[in-house]
């Protein structure tokens, strides 16, 4: 994952967990050879608004 306004790479191992605070810019990317199957859990945003960021890659 890439997190923050100046995206920093956070490697997540298989079965790993990442907690992301609300409002944190994020991107997911698969740099491995295996399929990426994310499970994302969260509550609906308070504002129906999303900002599309430039790619961190």
N, C-alpha and C. Protein backbone atom coordinates (compact mmCIF):
# COMPACT_ATOMS: atom_id res chain seq x y z
N UNK A 1 0.84 -1.17 0.00
CA UNK A 1 0.00 0.00 0.00
C UNK A 1 0.88 1.23 0.00
N UNK A 2 0.33 2.30 -0.53
CA UNK A 2 0.98 3.60 -0.48
C UNK A 2 0.06 4.50 0.32
N UNK A 3 0.58 5.09 1.39
CA UNK A 3 -0.23 5.89 2.31
C UNK A 3 0.33 7.29 2.47
N UNK A 4 -0.56 8.27 2.58
CA UNK A 4 -0.17 9.63 2.91
C UNK A 4 -0.18 10.58 1.73
N UNK A 5 -0.05 11.88 2.05
CA UNK A 5 -0.03 12.93 1.02
C UNK A 5 1.20 12.81 0.12
N UNK A 6 2.32 12.43 0.71
CA UNK A 6 3.53 12.10 -0.05
C UNK A 6 3.65 10.59 0.11
N UNK A 7 3.04 9.82 -0.82
CA UNK A 7 2.86 8.39 -0.62
C UNK A 7 4.13 7.65 -0.21
N UNK A 8 4.02 6.94 0.90
CA UNK A 8 5.11 6.09 1.38
C UNK A 8 4.67 4.64 1.25
N UNK A 9 5.54 3.82 0.70
CA UNK A 9 5.23 2.41 0.50
C UNK A 9 5.24 1.67 1.84
N UNK A 10 4.17 0.91 2.08
CA UNK A 10 4.04 0.05 3.26
C UNK A 10 3.82 -1.36 2.75
N UNK A 11 4.83 -2.22 2.88
CA UNK A 11 4.68 -3.61 2.45
C UNK A 11 3.80 -4.35 3.45
N UNK A 12 2.84 -5.11 2.94
CA UNK A 12 1.90 -5.87 3.77
C UNK A 12 2.10 -7.34 3.45
N UNK A 13 2.49 -8.15 4.44
CA UNK A 13 2.71 -9.57 4.17
C UNK A 13 1.39 -10.31 3.96
N UNK A 14 1.47 -11.50 3.42
CA UNK A 14 0.28 -12.34 3.25
C UNK A 14 -0.42 -12.48 4.59
N UNK A 15 -1.72 -12.23 4.60
CA UNK A 15 -2.50 -12.30 5.84
C UNK A 15 -2.33 -11.09 6.72
N UNK A 16 -1.58 -10.08 6.24
CA UNK A 16 -1.31 -8.88 7.04
C UNK A 16 -2.52 -7.98 7.16
N UNK A 17 -2.41 -7.04 8.06
CA UNK A 17 -3.49 -6.10 8.35
C UNK A 17 -2.93 -4.70 8.38
N UNK A 18 -3.68 -3.75 7.80
CA UNK A 18 -3.27 -2.35 7.81
C UNK A 18 -4.46 -1.53 8.31
N UNK A 19 -4.22 -0.68 9.28
CA UNK A 19 -5.25 0.25 9.76
C UNK A 19 -4.95 1.61 9.14
N UNK A 20 -5.94 2.18 8.46
CA UNK A 20 -5.78 3.47 7.80
C UNK A 20 -6.78 4.43 8.40
N UNK A 21 -6.29 5.54 8.92
CA UNK A 21 -7.17 6.56 9.51
C UNK A 21 -8.05 7.19 8.43
N UNK A 22 -9.28 7.58 8.78
CA UNK A 22 -10.15 8.25 7.82
C UNK A 22 -9.48 9.48 7.22
N UNK A 23 -9.68 9.68 5.94
CA UNK A 23 -9.14 10.85 5.25
C UNK A 23 -7.70 10.67 4.76
N UNK A 24 -7.09 9.52 5.02
CA UNK A 24 -5.72 9.27 4.59
C UNK A 24 -5.72 8.86 3.12
N UNK A 25 -4.98 9.58 2.27
CA UNK A 25 -4.86 9.15 0.88
C UNK A 25 -4.20 7.78 0.83
N UNK A 26 -4.70 6.89 -0.03
CA UNK A 26 -4.11 5.56 -0.12
C UNK A 26 -4.28 4.98 -1.51
N UNK A 27 -3.38 4.07 -1.84
CA UNK A 27 -3.45 3.29 -3.06
C UNK A 27 -2.97 1.89 -2.74
N UNK A 28 -3.53 0.92 -3.41
CA UNK A 28 -3.03 -0.44 -3.28
C UNK A 28 -2.31 -0.80 -4.58
N UNK A 29 -1.29 -1.62 -4.46
CA UNK A 29 -0.53 -2.07 -5.61
C UNK A 29 0.00 -3.46 -5.31
N UNK A 30 0.09 -4.28 -6.33
CA UNK A 30 0.62 -5.63 -6.17
C UNK A 30 1.97 -5.70 -6.87
N UNK A 31 3.04 -5.76 -6.08
CA UNK A 31 4.38 -5.86 -6.63
C UNK A 31 4.87 -7.31 -6.63
N UNK A 32 4.01 -8.25 -6.22
CA UNK A 32 4.40 -9.65 -6.15
C UNK A 32 3.98 -10.43 -7.37
N UNK A 33 4.30 -11.72 -7.35
CA UNK A 33 3.97 -12.61 -8.46
C UNK A 33 2.63 -13.31 -8.28
N UNK A 34 2.09 -13.30 -7.07
CA UNK A 34 0.82 -13.96 -6.76
C UNK A 34 -0.33 -12.97 -6.90
N UNK A 35 -1.55 -13.49 -7.08
CA UNK A 35 -2.72 -12.63 -7.14
C UNK A 35 -2.92 -11.91 -5.81
N UNK A 36 -3.37 -10.69 -5.88
CA UNK A 36 -3.70 -9.90 -4.69
C UNK A 36 -5.20 -9.99 -4.46
N UNK A 37 -5.59 -10.43 -3.27
CA UNK A 37 -7.00 -10.54 -2.92
C UNK A 37 -7.21 -9.74 -1.63
N UNK A 38 -7.55 -8.45 -1.76
CA UNK A 38 -7.72 -7.64 -0.55
C UNK A 38 -9.11 -7.81 0.06
N UNK A 39 -9.18 -7.67 1.35
CA UNK A 39 -10.45 -7.58 2.07
C UNK A 39 -10.43 -6.21 2.73
N UNK A 40 -11.36 -5.37 2.35
CA UNK A 40 -11.39 -4.00 2.84
C UNK A 40 -12.67 -3.80 3.62
N UNK A 41 -12.52 -3.36 4.85
CA UNK A 41 -13.67 -3.15 5.72
C UNK A 41 -13.66 -1.71 6.19
N UNK A 42 -14.80 -1.07 6.14
CA UNK A 42 -14.88 0.32 6.59
C UNK A 42 -16.32 0.77 6.63
N UNK A 43 -16.50 1.94 7.15
CA UNK A 43 -17.84 2.52 7.20
C UNK A 43 -18.00 3.47 6.04
N UNK A 44 -19.21 3.75 5.64
CA UNK A 44 -19.41 4.70 4.53
C UNK A 44 -18.85 6.07 4.90
N UNK A 45 -18.35 6.79 3.90
CA UNK A 45 -17.85 8.13 4.19
C UNK A 45 -18.97 9.05 4.66
N UNK A 46 -18.60 10.00 5.52
CA UNK A 46 -19.59 10.96 5.99
C UNK A 46 -20.03 11.87 4.86
N UNK A 47 -19.11 12.14 3.94
CA UNK A 47 -19.42 12.96 2.77
C UNK A 47 -19.27 12.06 1.55
N UNK A 48 -20.21 12.13 0.66
CA UNK A 48 -20.11 11.33 -0.56
C UNK A 48 -19.19 12.05 -1.52
N UNK A 49 -17.91 11.90 -1.26
CA UNK A 49 -16.91 12.62 -2.04
C UNK A 49 -15.66 11.75 -2.10
N UNK A 50 -15.06 11.65 -3.24
CA UNK A 50 -13.80 10.93 -3.39
C UNK A 50 -12.90 11.73 -4.32
N UNK A 51 -11.63 11.72 -4.00
CA UNK A 51 -10.65 12.41 -4.82
C UNK A 51 -9.77 11.37 -5.48
N UNK A 52 -9.65 11.41 -6.80
CA UNK A 52 -8.79 10.49 -7.53
C UNK A 52 -7.40 11.08 -7.55
N UNK A 53 -6.43 10.35 -7.00
CA UNK A 53 -5.05 10.82 -6.89
C UNK A 53 -4.22 10.34 -8.05
N UNK A 54 -3.12 11.05 -8.33
CA UNK A 54 -2.15 10.57 -9.31
C UNK A 54 -1.55 9.27 -8.79
N UNK A 55 -1.15 8.41 -9.69
CA UNK A 55 -0.57 7.13 -9.29
C UNK A 55 0.71 7.35 -8.48
N UNK A 56 0.88 6.57 -7.44
CA UNK A 56 2.08 6.62 -6.62
C UNK A 56 3.19 5.77 -7.21
N UNK A 57 2.89 5.01 -8.25
CA UNK A 57 3.88 4.10 -8.84
C UNK A 57 4.68 4.77 -9.91
